[in-house]
Amino acid sequence: MELKWQKSSFSGAGGENCVEIAEQGGTIIIRESDTPNARTSTSRSKFAALIKGVQAGKFDHFAG
């Protein structure tokens, strides 16, 4: 089954250098658009926790 990849609407029209996600059987698969064969996966609950942390600014110290 082919994965349906989604990217953020903040990625812009060009679509280069975007993080993309797909779901397969309840597992979230994550890749970088410029290296689509390099993938990682996580559970829905862990991905939701990551998104909440990003929204809350818990990772802002990594941005330079």
N, C-alpha and C. Protein backbone atom coordinates (compact mmCIF):
# COMPACT_ATOMS: atom_id res chain seq x y z
N MET A 1 0.82 -1.18 0.00
CA MET A 1 0.00 0.00 0.00
C MET A 1 0.87 1.25 0.00
N GLU A 2 0.60 2.17 -0.89
CA GLU A 2 1.37 3.40 -1.00
C GLU A 2 0.98 4.36 0.12
N LEU A 3 1.98 4.96 0.72
CA LEU A 3 1.74 5.91 1.81
C LEU A 3 1.29 7.25 1.26
N LYS A 4 0.39 7.90 1.98
CA LYS A 4 -0.08 9.24 1.62
C LYS A 4 0.66 10.23 2.52
N TRP A 5 1.65 10.91 1.96
CA TRP A 5 2.49 11.83 2.72
C TRP A 5 1.82 13.18 2.84
N GLN A 6 1.96 13.79 4.02
CA GLN A 6 1.43 15.12 4.28
C GLN A 6 2.55 16.00 4.78
N LYS A 7 2.48 17.28 4.41
CA LYS A 7 3.44 18.24 4.93
C LYS A 7 2.71 19.45 5.46
N SER A 8 3.38 20.19 6.27
CA SER A 8 2.77 21.37 6.88
C SER A 8 2.43 22.42 5.84
N SER A 9 1.34 23.13 6.09
CA SER A 9 0.98 24.24 5.20
C SER A 9 1.99 25.37 5.32
N PHE A 10 2.83 25.36 6.35
CA PHE A 10 3.87 26.36 6.52
C PHE A 10 5.09 26.09 5.64
N SER A 11 5.10 24.98 4.93
CA SER A 11 6.25 24.61 4.12
C SER A 11 6.41 25.46 2.87
N GLY A 12 5.37 26.14 2.45
CA GLY A 12 5.45 26.98 1.26
C GLY A 12 5.15 26.20 0.01
N ALA A 13 5.10 26.90 -1.10
CA ALA A 13 4.70 26.31 -2.37
C ALA A 13 5.77 25.39 -2.96
N GLY A 14 7.04 25.70 -2.72
CA GLY A 14 8.11 24.92 -3.33
C GLY A 14 8.18 23.49 -2.83
N GLY A 15 7.97 23.30 -1.55
CA GLY A 15 7.95 21.97 -0.98
C GLY A 15 9.30 21.35 -0.71
N GLU A 16 10.39 22.09 -0.88
CA GLU A 16 11.71 21.54 -0.60
C GLU A 16 12.00 21.65 0.89
N ASN A 17 12.81 20.72 1.39
CA ASN A 17 13.25 20.73 2.78
C ASN A 17 12.09 20.76 3.77
N CYS A 18 11.17 19.87 3.60
CA CYS A 18 10.00 19.79 4.47
C CYS A 18 9.98 18.46 5.22
N VAL A 19 9.49 18.50 6.43
CA VAL A 19 9.22 17.27 7.15
C VAL A 19 7.85 16.79 6.70
N GLU A 20 7.75 15.52 6.35
CA GLU A 20 6.50 14.94 5.89
C GLU A 20 6.12 13.79 6.81
N ILE A 21 4.83 13.59 6.99
CA ILE A 21 4.37 12.48 7.81
C ILE A 21 3.34 11.66 7.04
N ALA A 22 3.25 10.40 7.40
CA ALA A 22 2.23 9.50 6.86
C ALA A 22 1.83 8.56 7.99
N GLU A 23 0.69 7.93 7.83
CA GLU A 23 0.24 6.96 8.82
C GLU A 23 0.07 5.61 8.16
N GLN A 24 0.51 4.59 8.86
CA GLN A 24 0.36 3.22 8.36
C GLN A 24 0.04 2.32 9.55
N GLY A 25 -1.18 1.85 9.58
CA GLY A 25 -1.59 0.93 10.64
C GLY A 25 -1.46 1.49 12.04
N GLY A 26 -1.73 2.77 12.22
CA GLY A 26 -1.63 3.39 13.54
C GLY A 26 -0.25 3.88 13.91
N THR A 27 0.72 3.67 13.04
CA THR A 27 2.09 4.14 13.25
C THR A 27 2.32 5.39 12.41
N ILE A 28 2.94 6.40 13.00
CA ILE A 28 3.28 7.63 12.29
C ILE A 28 4.69 7.46 11.72
N ILE A 29 4.83 7.70 10.43
CA ILE A 29 6.12 7.60 9.75
C ILE A 29 6.53 9.02 9.37
N ILE A 30 7.79 9.35 9.63
CA ILE A 30 8.30 10.71 9.43
C ILE A 30 9.50 10.65 8.51
N ARG A 31 9.56 11.61 7.56
CA ARG A 31 10.72 11.69 6.67
C ARG A 31 11.00 13.15 6.33
N GLU A 32 12.18 13.40 5.83
CA GLU A 32 12.59 14.71 5.31
C GLU A 32 12.43 14.64 3.80
N SER A 33 11.80 15.65 3.21
CA SER A 33 11.48 15.58 1.78
C SER A 33 12.70 15.46 0.88
N ASP A 34 13.85 16.02 1.29
CA ASP A 34 15.02 15.93 0.42
C ASP A 34 15.78 14.61 0.58
N THR A 35 15.43 13.79 1.56
CA THR A 35 15.96 12.44 1.70
C THR A 35 14.80 11.48 2.03
N PRO A 36 13.93 11.24 1.06
CA PRO A 36 12.69 10.51 1.33
C PRO A 36 12.86 9.05 1.73
N ASN A 37 14.01 8.46 1.47
CA ASN A 37 14.20 7.06 1.85
C ASN A 37 14.66 6.90 3.30
N ALA A 38 15.08 7.99 3.93
CA ALA A 38 15.46 7.96 5.34
C ALA A 38 14.21 8.27 6.16
N ARG A 39 13.74 7.28 6.89
CA ARG A 39 12.48 7.42 7.63
C ARG A 39 12.64 6.96 9.06
N THR A 40 11.79 7.48 9.91
CA THR A 40 11.68 7.00 11.28
C THR A 40 10.20 6.88 11.60
N SER A 41 9.88 6.18 12.66
CA SER A 41 8.47 6.00 12.99
C SER A 41 8.26 6.11 14.49
N THR A 42 7.02 6.37 14.86
CA THR A 42 6.64 6.51 16.26
C THR A 42 5.15 6.22 16.41
N SER A 43 4.70 6.15 17.63
CA SER A 43 3.28 5.93 17.88
C SER A 43 2.52 7.25 17.75
N ARG A 44 1.21 7.15 17.59
CA ARG A 44 0.37 8.34 17.51
C ARG A 44 0.48 9.16 18.80
N SER A 45 0.49 8.50 19.95
CA SER A 45 0.53 9.22 21.22
C SER A 45 1.86 9.95 21.42
N LYS A 46 2.95 9.33 21.04
CA LYS A 46 4.25 10.00 21.17
C LYS A 46 4.37 11.16 20.19
N PHE A 47 3.83 11.00 18.99
CA PHE A 47 3.86 12.08 18.02
C PHE A 47 3.01 13.25 18.52
N ALA A 48 1.85 12.96 19.10
CA ALA A 48 0.99 14.01 19.65
C ALA A 48 1.72 14.76 20.77
N ALA A 49 2.46 14.03 21.61
CA ALA A 49 3.22 14.67 22.69
C ALA A 49 4.31 15.57 22.12
N LEU A 50 4.96 15.15 21.04
CA LEU A 50 5.97 15.99 20.39
C LEU A 50 5.34 17.28 19.87
N ILE A 51 4.21 17.17 19.19
CA ILE A 51 3.55 18.35 18.64
C ILE A 51 3.16 19.31 19.76
N LYS A 52 2.62 18.78 20.85
CA LYS A 52 2.25 19.64 21.99
C LYS A 52 3.47 20.33 22.57
N GLY A 53 4.59 19.62 22.65
CA GLY A 53 5.82 20.22 23.15
C GLY A 53 6.34 21.32 22.26
N VAL A 54 6.26 21.11 20.95
CA VAL A 54 6.69 22.14 19.99
C VAL A 54 5.80 23.38 20.14
N GLN A 55 4.49 23.16 20.20
CA GLN A 55 3.56 24.27 20.34
C GLN A 55 3.78 25.04 21.64
N ALA A 56 4.19 24.37 22.68
CA ALA A 56 4.41 25.00 23.98
C ALA A 56 5.79 25.66 24.08
N GLY A 57 6.62 25.52 23.05
CA GLY A 57 7.93 26.14 23.04
C GLY A 57 9.01 25.38 23.79
N LYS A 58 8.77 24.12 24.10
CA LYS A 58 9.73 23.34 24.88
C LYS A 58 11.03 23.04 24.15
N PHE A 59 11.06 23.26 22.84
CA PHE A 59 12.27 22.97 22.07
C PHE A 59 12.88 24.23 21.46
N ASP A 60 12.39 25.38 21.86
CA ASP A 60 12.86 26.64 21.29
C ASP A 60 14.35 26.86 21.49
N HIS A 61 14.91 26.30 22.53
CA HIS A 61 16.34 26.48 22.80
C HIS A 61 17.21 25.80 21.73
N PHE A 62 16.64 24.89 20.92
CA PHE A 62 17.40 24.27 19.85
C PHE A 62 17.51 25.17 18.62
N ALA A 63 16.59 26.11 18.48
CA ALA A 63 16.62 27.04 17.33
C ALA A 63 17.68 28.09 17.60
N GLY A 64 18.45 28.36 16.60
CA GLY A 64 19.54 29.29 16.82
C GLY A 64 19.35 30.53 16.13
